[in-house]
Structures are given as structure tokens and as C-alpha cells.
Amino acid sequence: MNIHAIRAIYLFEMHRWLRTVVQSVATPVITTSLYFIVFGSAIGKRMPAVDGVSYGAFIVPGLAMLSILTESISNGSFGIYMPKFAGTIYEVLSAPISALEIVIGYVGASATKSVVLGIVILATARLFVPYSILHPLWALGFLALTSAAFSLFGFLTGIWADGWEKLSIIPMLVVTPLTFLGGSFYSIAMLPGVWKRIALFNPVVYLVSGFRWAFYGVSDVGVGVSLAATLAFLLACLVAVSWIFRTGWKLKV
């Protein structure tokens, strides 16, 4: 394992992130804070408790997950797309480093950014909504695992994209709607029977449910199922990345 190469890619991406920290951190934190103010402080006081948890506190994990998923994909896709766009991807591919080391460097940096963002958002939420974390280690684990899985998915998106406009298609037109429909603002147990069964096909349900369980011990699906679904998604992305580096699809064109 070439630790020096991984460290070089990782630090380069982290330094690039620090140069745009206002856009990368402040913007999603401010946007999410507005949700906490409107849905948590204002509307939440007039809403009944959900599974014994006040509505304002109930939506905290879902809103945090909304930002984490979006930023993980954006960071992961932008990190690999820039070398493609600038033509420096050939220098990376010709360097004496393996595909695994390249992925660890880029995806590791993207996941780190998302974990930091998630912690900042959760800390900011305490200013507007009182909440507690029943299983803090599980919460951190779900946060890290979700960040890694969707950073890897973003890495795939960045390889697939052949234009700047395509970088925003997946986060805006796919992930954001799925997150809103994945129980961020409600429990899927509140849905009618047929819609509840349909909601179970939404992968974001398992991410939000597992993260919420770590906070309050309540979830729409079992925590084991949530963990298994997240790991399966991560494995599927790893298989796709392995195939891309074997074939050179979208990398050497």
C-alpha cells in the first residue's frame, strides 16, 4: 500500500476544500438551519410527537442526512471530475499507484468533508432544537459509513459525467427527492399500507431510519437491515469502481 500517494491525494483534496470552506460548509449549514427554524422551532411546536419524540427533534437526523448525502456526492464527483476536465487524470493513472489507492485518497477526503459537515450541522441544530443522541458511537458510525458510501457513489458520478451540468443531475433530480420521500420529515409508518410498501424500495429510508435509531432508539426498519442495506450499497459501488478501472471506461477518453 502506497501510503505516500494516498496522503498526497488526500491532502490535496482537503486543501482545495479549505480554500472554498464558505461554499462547502457555510452554505449547507445555513440552508439546513433554515429548515430547523421553520420546521423545528416554528411548525414543530404545533405538531404532535412522532414515536414519542418531539417533531422538531424527530427531523434532525433526516435533515442532517439530506445535507450529508448531497454534499458527499458533490464532493466525491467534483474531486475526480476536475482531473478529467484539466487533463491531469493521465498523470494520476500513469503514476505508480493502484486503483485502490486512488479511490482511498479521493473518497477518503470526500468522506472526511461530509463527516465534518454532519458534525457541524448537528451542533448547529442544538441552537434551534433540543435533542439527544442515545447511541453516539452508532451515530458516528452511520455518519461515517453513509459519507463513505455516497462519496464513492459521487466518485462514480464524476467519472460518468462528461460536462459540468451532469454533476448536479444526480444530487438534485435523484438524491434530494428520494431523501424528502425517505422519511426525513415523517415516519413511513404514517403512510397508508400500499405507500408504505412502496417507500421500502427507497434506499434512503434505510439510511435515515438507521441514523434516527442511533439518536432515539426508534426506526421504521430494523437497525440491522439499515446497516446491511448501507453496506450492500457500498459494496455495489466498489464493484462498479473496480470494473471502471479495469476497463478504463470514461477515464481514458
C-alpha atoms as a PDB file:
ATOM      1  CA  MET A   1       0.000   0.000   0.000  1.00  0.00           C
ATOM      2  CA  ASN A   2       1.490   3.325  -1.144  1.00  0.00           C
ATOM      3  CA  ILE A   3       0.694   5.499   1.883  1.00  0.00           C
ATOM      4  CA  HIS A   4       2.578   8.485   0.464  1.00  0.00           C
ATOM      5  CA  ALA A   5       0.407   8.533  -2.664  1.00  0.00           C
ATOM      6  CA  ILE A   6      -2.814   8.233  -0.683  1.00  0.00           C
ATOM      7  CA  ARG A   7      -1.658  11.002   1.641  1.00  0.00           C
ATOM      8  CA  ALA A   8      -0.756  13.268  -1.285  1.00  0.00           C
ATOM      9  CA  ILE A   9      -4.176  12.889  -2.938  1.00  0.00           C
ATOM     10  CA  TYR A  10      -5.995  13.185   0.387  1.00  0.00           C
ATOM     11  CA  LEU A  11      -4.162  16.341   1.479  1.00  0.00           C
ATOM     12  CA  PHE A  12      -4.542  17.946  -1.959  1.00  0.00           C
ATOM     13  CA  GLU A  13      -8.305  17.452  -1.831  1.00  0.00           C
ATOM     14  CA  MET A  14      -8.532  18.695   1.758  1.00  0.00           C
ATOM     15  CA  HIS A  15      -6.511  21.823   0.946  1.00  0.00           C
ATOM     16  CA  ARG A  16      -8.749  22.510  -2.046  1.00  0.00           C
ATOM     17  CA  TRP A  17     -11.771  22.153   0.241  1.00  0.00           C
ATOM     18  CA  LEU A  18     -10.314  24.598   2.771  1.00  0.00           C
ATOM     19  CA  ARG A  19      -9.932  27.212   0.029  1.00  0.00           C
ATOM     20  CA  THR A  20     -13.690  27.031  -0.581  1.00  0.00           C
ATOM     21  CA  VAL A  21     -14.800  26.356   3.004  1.00  0.00           C
ATOM     22  CA  VAL A  22     -17.507  29.055   2.914  1.00  0.00           C
ATOM     23  CA  GLN A  23     -19.200  27.460  -0.060  1.00  0.00           C
ATOM     24  CA  SER A  24     -18.567  23.904   1.133  1.00  0.00           C
ATOM     25  CA  VAL A  25     -19.648  24.243   4.775  1.00  0.00           C
ATOM     26  CA  ALA A  26     -21.360  27.564   5.467  1.00  0.00           C
ATOM     27  CA  THR A  27     -23.882  27.283   2.620  1.00  0.00           C
ATOM     28  CA  PRO A  28     -25.342  23.841   3.529  1.00  0.00           C
ATOM     29  CA  VAL A  29     -25.252  24.717   7.249  1.00  0.00           C
ATOM     30  CA  ILE A  30     -27.198  27.946   6.692  1.00  0.00           C
ATOM     31  CA  THR A  31     -29.680  26.189   4.398  1.00  0.00           C
ATOM     32  CA  THR A  32     -30.251  23.373   6.897  1.00  0.00           C
ATOM     33  CA  SER A  33     -30.549  25.889   9.747  1.00  0.00           C
ATOM     34  CA  LEU A  34     -33.477  27.487   7.930  1.00  0.00           C
ATOM     35  CA  TYR A  35     -35.199  24.088   7.929  1.00  0.00           C
ATOM     36  CA  PHE A  36     -34.569  23.787  11.664  1.00  0.00           C
ATOM     37  CA  ILE A  37     -36.010  27.254  12.260  1.00  0.00           C
ATOM     38  CA  VAL A  38     -39.123  26.708  10.133  1.00  0.00           C
ATOM     39  CA  PHE A  39     -39.911  23.034  10.719  1.00  0.00           C
ATOM     40  CA  GLY A  40     -38.248  22.579  14.087  1.00  0.00           C
ATOM     41  CA  SER A  41     -38.850  25.752  16.072  1.00  0.00           C
ATOM     42  CA  ALA A  42     -41.921  27.215  14.367  1.00  0.00           C
ATOM     43  CA  ILE A  43     -44.029  24.389  12.926  1.00  0.00           C
ATOM     44  CA  GLY A  44     -42.575  21.704  15.194  1.00  0.00           C
ATOM     45  CA  LYS A  45     -44.171  23.208  18.312  1.00  0.00           C
ATOM     46  CA  ARG A  46     -47.613  22.720  16.766  1.00  0.00           C
ATOM     47  CA  MET A  47     -47.004  19.159  15.565  1.00  0.00           C
ATOM     48  CA  PRO A  48     -47.700  16.050  17.681  1.00  0.00           C
ATOM     49  CA  ALA A  49     -44.819  13.849  18.811  1.00  0.00           C
ATOM     50  CA  VAL A  50     -43.730  11.057  16.456  1.00  0.00           C
ATOM     51  CA  ASP A  51     -42.893   7.729  18.137  1.00  0.00           C
ATOM     52  CA  GLY A  52     -42.603   9.575  21.435  1.00  0.00           C
ATOM     53  CA  VAL A  53     -40.120  12.123  20.047  1.00  0.00           C
ATOM     54  CA  SER A  54     -40.985  15.796  19.573  1.00  0.00           C
ATOM     55  CA  TYR A  55     -41.376  16.672  15.911  1.00  0.00           C
ATOM     56  CA  GLY A  56     -38.546  19.211  15.959  1.00  0.00           C
ATOM     57  CA  ALA A  57     -36.115  16.632  17.329  1.00  0.00           C
ATOM     58  CA  PHE A  58     -37.514  13.875  15.096  1.00  0.00           C
ATOM     59  CA  ILE A  59     -36.496  15.642  11.872  1.00  0.00           C
ATOM     60  CA  VAL A  60     -32.921  16.429  12.985  1.00  0.00           C
ATOM     61  CA  PRO A  61     -31.381  13.127  11.740  1.00  0.00           C
ATOM     62  CA  GLY A  62     -33.313  13.311   8.464  1.00  0.00           C
ATOM     63  CA  LEU A  63     -32.277  16.890   7.715  1.00  0.00           C
ATOM     64  CA  ALA A  64     -28.666  16.141   8.607  1.00  0.00           C
ATOM     65  CA  MET A  65     -28.763  13.111   6.313  1.00  0.00           C
ATOM     66  CA  LEU A  66     -30.202  15.249   3.491  1.00  0.00           C
ATOM     67  CA  SER A  67     -27.175  17.546   3.578  1.00  0.00           C
ATOM     68  CA  ILE A  68     -24.693  14.708   4.092  1.00  0.00           C
ATOM     69  CA  LEU A  69     -25.927  12.725   1.085  1.00  0.00           C
ATOM     70  CA  THR A  70     -25.952  15.752  -1.208  1.00  0.00           C
ATOM     71  CA  GLU A  71     -22.529  17.007  -0.143  1.00  0.00           C
ATOM     72  CA  SER A  72     -20.962  13.531  -0.236  1.00  0.00           C
ATOM     73  CA  ILE A  73     -21.988  13.077  -3.854  1.00  0.00           C
ATOM     74  CA  SER A  74     -20.940  16.612  -4.798  1.00  0.00           C
ATOM     75  CA  ASN A  75     -17.536  16.338  -3.129  1.00  0.00           C
ATOM     76  CA  GLY A  76     -16.866  12.873  -4.494  1.00  0.00           C
ATOM     77  CA  SER A  77     -17.865  13.752  -8.055  1.00  0.00           C
ATOM     78  CA  PHE A  78     -16.044  17.095  -8.187  1.00  0.00           C
ATOM     79  CA  GLY A  79     -12.827  15.593  -6.830  1.00  0.00           C
ATOM     80  CA  ILE A  80     -12.406  13.155  -9.733  1.00  0.00           C
ATOM     81  CA  TYR A  81     -14.073  15.305 -12.406  1.00  0.00           C
ATOM     82  CA  MET A  82     -11.562  18.167 -12.050  1.00  0.00           C
ATOM     83  CA  PRO A  83      -8.566  15.974 -13.038  1.00  0.00           C
ATOM     84  CA  LYS A  84     -10.597  14.724 -16.010  1.00  0.00           C
ATOM     85  CA  PHE A  85     -11.553  18.261 -17.001  1.00  0.00           C
ATOM     86  CA  ALA A  86      -7.988  19.609 -16.618  1.00  0.00           C
ATOM     87  CA  GLY A  87      -6.380  16.561 -18.228  1.00  0.00           C
ATOM     88  CA  THR A  88      -4.280  15.734 -15.174  1.00  0.00           C
ATOM     89  CA  ILE A  89      -6.093  12.407 -14.759  1.00  0.00           C
ATOM     90  CA  TYR A  90      -3.460  10.839 -17.055  1.00  0.00           C
ATOM     91  CA  GLU A  91      -0.714  11.805 -14.626  1.00  0.00           C
ATOM     92  CA  VAL A  92      -2.632  10.088 -11.834  1.00  0.00           C
ATOM     93  CA  LEU A  93      -3.290   6.977 -13.912  1.00  0.00           C
ATOM     94  CA  SER A  94       0.335   6.719 -15.057  1.00  0.00           C
ATOM     95  CA  ALA A  95       1.733   7.154 -11.535  1.00  0.00           C
ATOM     96  CA  PRO A  96       2.940   4.012  -9.696  1.00  0.00           C
ATOM     97  CA  ILE A  97      -0.219   3.777  -7.584  1.00  0.00           C
ATOM     98  CA  SER A  98      -3.068   1.301  -7.729  1.00  0.00           C
ATOM     99  CA  ALA A  99      -6.739   1.978  -8.404  1.00  0.00           C
ATOM    100  CA  LEU A 100      -7.492   1.179  -4.759  1.00  0.00           C
ATOM    101  CA  GLU A 101      -5.038   3.817  -3.560  1.00  0.00           C
ATOM    102  CA  ILE A 102      -6.531   6.413  -5.912  1.00  0.00           C
ATOM    103  CA  VAL A 103     -10.027   5.654  -4.650  1.00  0.00           C
ATOM    104  CA  ILE A 104      -8.964   5.730  -0.992  1.00  0.00           C
ATOM    105  CA  GLY A 105      -7.338   9.139  -1.474  1.00  0.00           C
ATOM    106  CA  TYR A 106     -10.244  10.813  -3.275  1.00  0.00           C
ATOM    107  CA  VAL A 107     -13.121   9.093  -1.491  1.00  0.00           C
ATOM    108  CA  GLY A 108     -11.414   9.338   1.906  1.00  0.00           C
ATOM    109  CA  ALA A 109     -11.101  13.113   1.533  1.00  0.00           C
ATOM    110  CA  SER A 110     -14.703  13.448   0.378  1.00  0.00           C
ATOM    111  CA  ALA A 111     -15.988  11.320   3.263  1.00  0.00           C
ATOM    112  CA  THR A 112     -13.953  13.354   5.757  1.00  0.00           C
ATOM    113  CA  LYS A 113     -15.532  16.566   4.476  1.00  0.00           C
ATOM    114  CA  SER A 114     -19.018  15.068   4.819  1.00  0.00           C
ATOM    115  CA  VAL A 115     -18.375  13.817   8.365  1.00  0.00           C
ATOM    116  CA  VAL A 116     -17.136  17.275   9.403  1.00  0.00           C
ATOM    117  CA  LEU A 117     -20.165  18.866   7.759  1.00  0.00           C
ATOM    118  CA  GLY A 118     -22.517  16.435   9.519  1.00  0.00           C
ATOM    119  CA  ILE A 119     -20.988  17.195  12.919  1.00  0.00           C
ATOM    120  CA  VAL A 120     -21.238  20.951  12.295  1.00  0.00           C
ATOM    121  CA  ILE A 121     -24.890  20.627  11.235  1.00  0.00           C
ATOM    122  CA  LEU A 122     -25.770  18.567  14.314  1.00  0.00           C
ATOM    123  CA  ALA A 123     -24.005  21.087  16.550  1.00  0.00           C
ATOM    124  CA  THR A 124     -25.873  23.932  14.853  1.00  0.00           C
ATOM    125  CA  ALA A 125     -29.191  22.109  15.298  1.00  0.00           C
ATOM    126  CA  ARG A 126     -28.771  22.315  19.069  1.00  0.00           C
ATOM    127  CA  LEU A 127     -29.158  26.085  18.787  1.00  0.00           C
ATOM    128  CA  PHE A 128     -32.708  25.648  17.493  1.00  0.00           C
ATOM    129  CA  VAL A 129     -33.988  22.225  18.594  1.00  0.00           C
ATOM    130  CA  PRO A 130     -33.229  20.309  21.819  1.00  0.00           C
ATOM    131  CA  TYR A 131     -32.339  16.684  21.088  1.00  0.00           C
ATOM    132  CA  SER A 132     -30.248  13.863  22.486  1.00  0.00           C
ATOM    133  CA  ILE A 133     -28.166  11.052  20.978  1.00  0.00           C
ATOM    134  CA  LEU A 134     -28.913   7.719  22.608  1.00  0.00           C
ATOM    135  CA  HIS A 135     -26.123   5.799  20.837  1.00  0.00           C
ATOM    136  CA  PRO A 136     -23.381   8.310  19.919  1.00  0.00           C
ATOM    137  CA  LEU A 137     -20.918   5.705  18.624  1.00  0.00           C
ATOM    138  CA  TRP A 138     -23.564   4.178  16.380  1.00  0.00           C
ATOM    139  CA  ALA A 139     -24.496   7.671  15.168  1.00  0.00           C
ATOM    140  CA  LEU A 140     -20.866   8.401  14.292  1.00  0.00           C
ATOM    141  CA  GLY A 141     -20.575   5.005  12.625  1.00  0.00           C
ATOM    142  CA  PHE A 142     -23.662   5.554  10.461  1.00  0.00           C
ATOM    143  CA  LEU A 143     -22.427   9.042   9.644  1.00  0.00           C
ATOM    144  CA  ALA A 144     -19.014   7.774   8.525  1.00  0.00           C
ATOM    145  CA  LEU A 145     -20.409   4.765   6.633  1.00  0.00           C
ATOM    146  CA  THR A 146     -23.026   6.826   4.806  1.00  0.00           C
ATOM    147  CA  SER A 147     -20.459   9.503   3.943  1.00  0.00           C
ATOM    148  CA  ALA A 148     -18.073   6.885   2.549  1.00  0.00           C
ATOM    149  CA  ALA A 149     -20.778   5.070   0.557  1.00  0.00           C
ATOM    150  CA  PHE A 150     -22.173   8.190  -1.090  1.00  0.00           C
ATOM    151  CA  SER A 151     -18.754   9.740  -1.619  1.00  0.00           C
ATOM    152  CA  LEU A 152     -17.939   6.589  -3.558  1.00  0.00           C
ATOM    153  CA  PHE A 153     -21.199   6.973  -5.463  1.00  0.00           C
ATOM    154  CA  GLY A 154     -20.207  10.587  -6.170  1.00  0.00           C
ATOM    155  CA  PHE A 155     -16.833   9.321  -7.412  1.00  0.00           C
ATOM    156  CA  LEU A 156     -18.728   7.159  -9.915  1.00  0.00           C
ATOM    157  CA  THR A 157     -20.872  10.149 -10.896  1.00  0.00           C
ATOM    158  CA  GLY A 158     -17.768  12.251 -11.532  1.00  0.00           C
ATOM    159  CA  ILE A 159     -16.327   9.555 -13.806  1.00  0.00           C
ATOM    160  CA  TRP A 160     -19.625   9.222 -15.669  1.00  0.00           C
ATOM    161  CA  ALA A 161     -20.170  12.971 -16.135  1.00  0.00           C
ATOM    162  CA  ASP A 162     -18.776  14.497 -19.327  1.00  0.00           C
ATOM    163  CA  GLY A 163     -19.978  18.034 -18.594  1.00  0.00           C
ATOM    164  CA  TRP A 164     -20.429  20.358 -15.618  1.00  0.00           C
ATOM    165  CA  GLU A 165     -24.203  20.219 -15.832  1.00  0.00           C
ATOM    166  CA  LYS A 166     -24.200  16.451 -15.324  1.00  0.00           C
ATOM    167  CA  LEU A 167     -22.501  16.805 -11.938  1.00  0.00           C
ATOM    168  CA  SER A 168     -25.689  18.257 -10.445  1.00  0.00           C
ATOM    169  CA  ILE A 169     -28.210  15.949 -12.125  1.00  0.00           C
ATOM    170  CA  ILE A 170     -27.893  13.047  -9.685  1.00  0.00           C
ATOM    171  CA  PRO A 171     -27.870  15.099  -6.431  1.00  0.00           C
ATOM    172  CA  MET A 172     -30.692  17.443  -7.465  1.00  0.00           C
ATOM    173  CA  LEU A 173     -33.007  15.219  -9.519  1.00  0.00           C
ATOM    174  CA  VAL A 174     -32.486  11.860  -7.805  1.00  0.00           C
ATOM    175  CA  VAL A 175     -30.990  12.034  -4.319  1.00  0.00           C
ATOM    176  CA  THR A 176     -32.826  15.108  -2.985  1.00  0.00           C
ATOM    177  CA  PRO A 177     -36.336  13.837  -3.957  1.00  0.00           C
ATOM    178  CA  LEU A 178     -35.538  10.381  -2.566  1.00  0.00           C
ATOM    179  CA  THR A 179     -34.376  11.961   0.702  1.00  0.00           C
ATOM    180  CA  PHE A 180     -37.536  14.030   1.077  1.00  0.00           C
ATOM    181  CA  LEU A 181     -39.602  10.900   0.354  1.00  0.00           C
ATOM    182  CA  GLY A 182     -37.404   8.718   2.565  1.00  0.00           C
ATOM    183  CA  GLY A 183     -38.811   9.701   5.955  1.00  0.00           C
ATOM    184  CA  SER A 184     -36.774  12.829   6.641  1.00  0.00           C
ATOM    185  CA  PHE A 185     -39.871  14.739   7.785  1.00  0.00           C
ATOM    186  CA  TYR A 186     -42.119  11.855   8.810  1.00  0.00           C
ATOM    187  CA  SER A 187     -42.209   8.205   9.750  1.00  0.00           C
ATOM    188  CA  ILE A 188     -43.168   5.896   6.894  1.00  0.00           C
ATOM    189  CA  ALA A 189     -45.418   4.112   9.402  1.00  0.00           C
ATOM    190  CA  MET A 190     -47.729   7.128   8.967  1.00  0.00           C
ATOM    191  CA  LEU A 191     -48.266   6.248   5.292  1.00  0.00           C
ATOM    192  CA  PRO A 192     -51.191   4.135   4.011  1.00  0.00           C
ATOM    193  CA  GLY A 193     -50.422   0.449   3.517  1.00  0.00           C
ATOM    194  CA  VAL A 194     -49.569   0.432  -0.201  1.00  0.00           C
ATOM    195  CA  TRP A 195     -47.462   3.599   0.002  1.00  0.00           C
ATOM    196  CA  LYS A 196     -45.594   2.222   2.987  1.00  0.00           C
ATOM    197  CA  ARG A 197     -44.627  -0.840   0.958  1.00  0.00           C
ATOM    198  CA  ILE A 198     -43.557   1.359  -1.959  1.00  0.00           C
ATOM    199  CA  ALA A 199     -41.451   3.503   0.396  1.00  0.00           C
ATOM    200  CA  LEU A 200     -39.457   0.420   1.401  1.00  0.00           C
ATOM    201  CA  PHE A 201     -37.969   0.392  -2.120  1.00  0.00           C
ATOM    202  CA  ASN A 202     -36.442   3.797  -1.425  1.00  0.00           C
ATOM    203  CA  PRO A 203     -32.831   3.159  -0.281  1.00  0.00           C
ATOM    204  CA  VAL A 204     -32.711   6.456   1.618  1.00  0.00           C
ATOM    205  CA  VAL A 205     -35.374   5.114   4.025  1.00  0.00           C
ATOM    206  CA  TYR A 206     -32.816   2.690   5.446  1.00  0.00           C
ATOM    207  CA  LEU A 207     -30.143   5.370   5.840  1.00  0.00           C
ATOM    208  CA  VAL A 208     -32.429   7.838   7.610  1.00  0.00           C
ATOM    209  CA  SER A 209     -34.011   5.102   9.722  1.00  0.00           C
ATOM    210  CA  GLY A 210     -30.666   3.755  10.926  1.00  0.00           C
ATOM    211  CA  PHE A 211     -29.356   7.231  11.715  1.00  0.00           C
ATOM    212  CA  ARG A 212     -32.556   8.125  13.608  1.00  0.00           C
ATOM    213  CA  TRP A 213     -32.347   4.905  15.619  1.00  0.00           C
ATOM    214  CA  ALA A 214     -28.898   5.958  16.827  1.00  0.00           C
ATOM    215  CA  PHE A 215     -30.472   9.163  18.154  1.00  0.00           C
ATOM    216  CA  TYR A 216     -33.719   7.989  19.738  1.00  0.00           C
ATOM    217  CA  GLY A 217     -33.866   4.209  19.572  1.00  0.00           C
ATOM    218  CA  VAL A 218     -36.841   4.330  17.165  1.00  0.00           C
ATOM    219  CA  SER A 219     -36.788   3.421  13.485  1.00  0.00           C
ATOM    220  CA  ASP A 220     -39.029   2.476  10.572  1.00  0.00           C
ATOM    221  CA  VAL A 221     -36.939  -0.612   9.760  1.00  0.00           C
ATOM    222  CA  GLY A 222     -34.606  -2.687  11.892  1.00  0.00           C
ATOM    223  CA  VAL A 223     -31.166  -1.218  12.518  1.00  0.00           C
ATOM    224  CA  GLY A 224     -29.586  -4.430  11.223  1.00  0.00           C
ATOM    225  CA  VAL A 225     -31.468  -4.073   7.945  1.00  0.00           C
ATOM    226  CA  SER A 226     -30.377  -0.417   7.679  1.00  0.00           C
ATOM    227  CA  LEU A 227     -26.759  -1.355   8.259  1.00  0.00           C
ATOM    228  CA  ALA A 228     -26.923  -4.232   5.765  1.00  0.00           C
ATOM    229  CA  ALA A 229     -28.522  -2.002   3.099  1.00  0.00           C
ATOM    230  CA  THR A 230     -25.817   0.646   3.515  1.00  0.00           C
ATOM    231  CA  LEU A 231     -23.031  -1.934   3.319  1.00  0.00           C
ATOM    232  CA  ALA A 232     -24.637  -3.503   0.237  1.00  0.00           C
ATOM    233  CA  PHE A 233     -24.752  -0.124  -1.476  1.00  0.00           C
ATOM    234  CA  LEU A 234     -21.104   0.493  -0.598  1.00  0.00           C
ATOM    235  CA  LEU A 235     -20.130  -2.930  -1.973  1.00  0.00           C
ATOM    236  CA  ALA A 236     -22.061  -2.314  -5.213  1.00  0.00           C
ATOM    237  CA  CYS A 237     -20.205   0.983  -5.705  1.00  0.00           C
ATOM    238  CA  LEU A 238     -16.860  -0.736  -5.070  1.00  0.00           C
ATOM    239  CA  VAL A 239     -17.669  -3.362  -7.699  1.00  0.00           C
ATOM    240  CA  ALA A 240     -18.577  -0.624 -10.196  1.00  0.00           C
ATOM    241  CA  VAL A 241     -15.358   1.293  -9.494  1.00  0.00           C
ATOM    242  CA  SER A 242     -13.299  -1.891  -9.887  1.00  0.00           C
ATOM    243  CA  TRP A 243     -14.880  -2.527 -13.293  1.00  0.00           C
ATOM    244  CA  ILE A 244     -14.234   1.070 -14.405  1.00  0.00           C
ATOM    245  CA  PHE A 245     -10.536   0.916 -13.573  1.00  0.00           C
ATOM    246  CA  ARG A 246     -10.193  -2.476 -15.274  1.00  0.00           C
ATOM    247  CA  THR A 247     -11.811  -1.267 -18.492  1.00  0.00           C
ATOM    248  CA  GLY A 248     -10.833   2.423 -18.407  1.00  0.00           C
ATOM    249  CA  TRP A 249     -14.449   3.428 -19.099  1.00  0.00           C
ATOM    250  CA  LYS A 250     -14.772   7.234 -19.155  1.00  0.00           C
ATOM    251  CA  LEU A 251     -11.273   7.552 -17.674  1.00  0.00           C
ATOM    252  CA  LYS A 252      -9.091   7.216 -20.756  1.00  0.00           C
ATOM    253  CA  VAL A 253     -11.310   9.014 -23.242  1.00  0.00           C
END
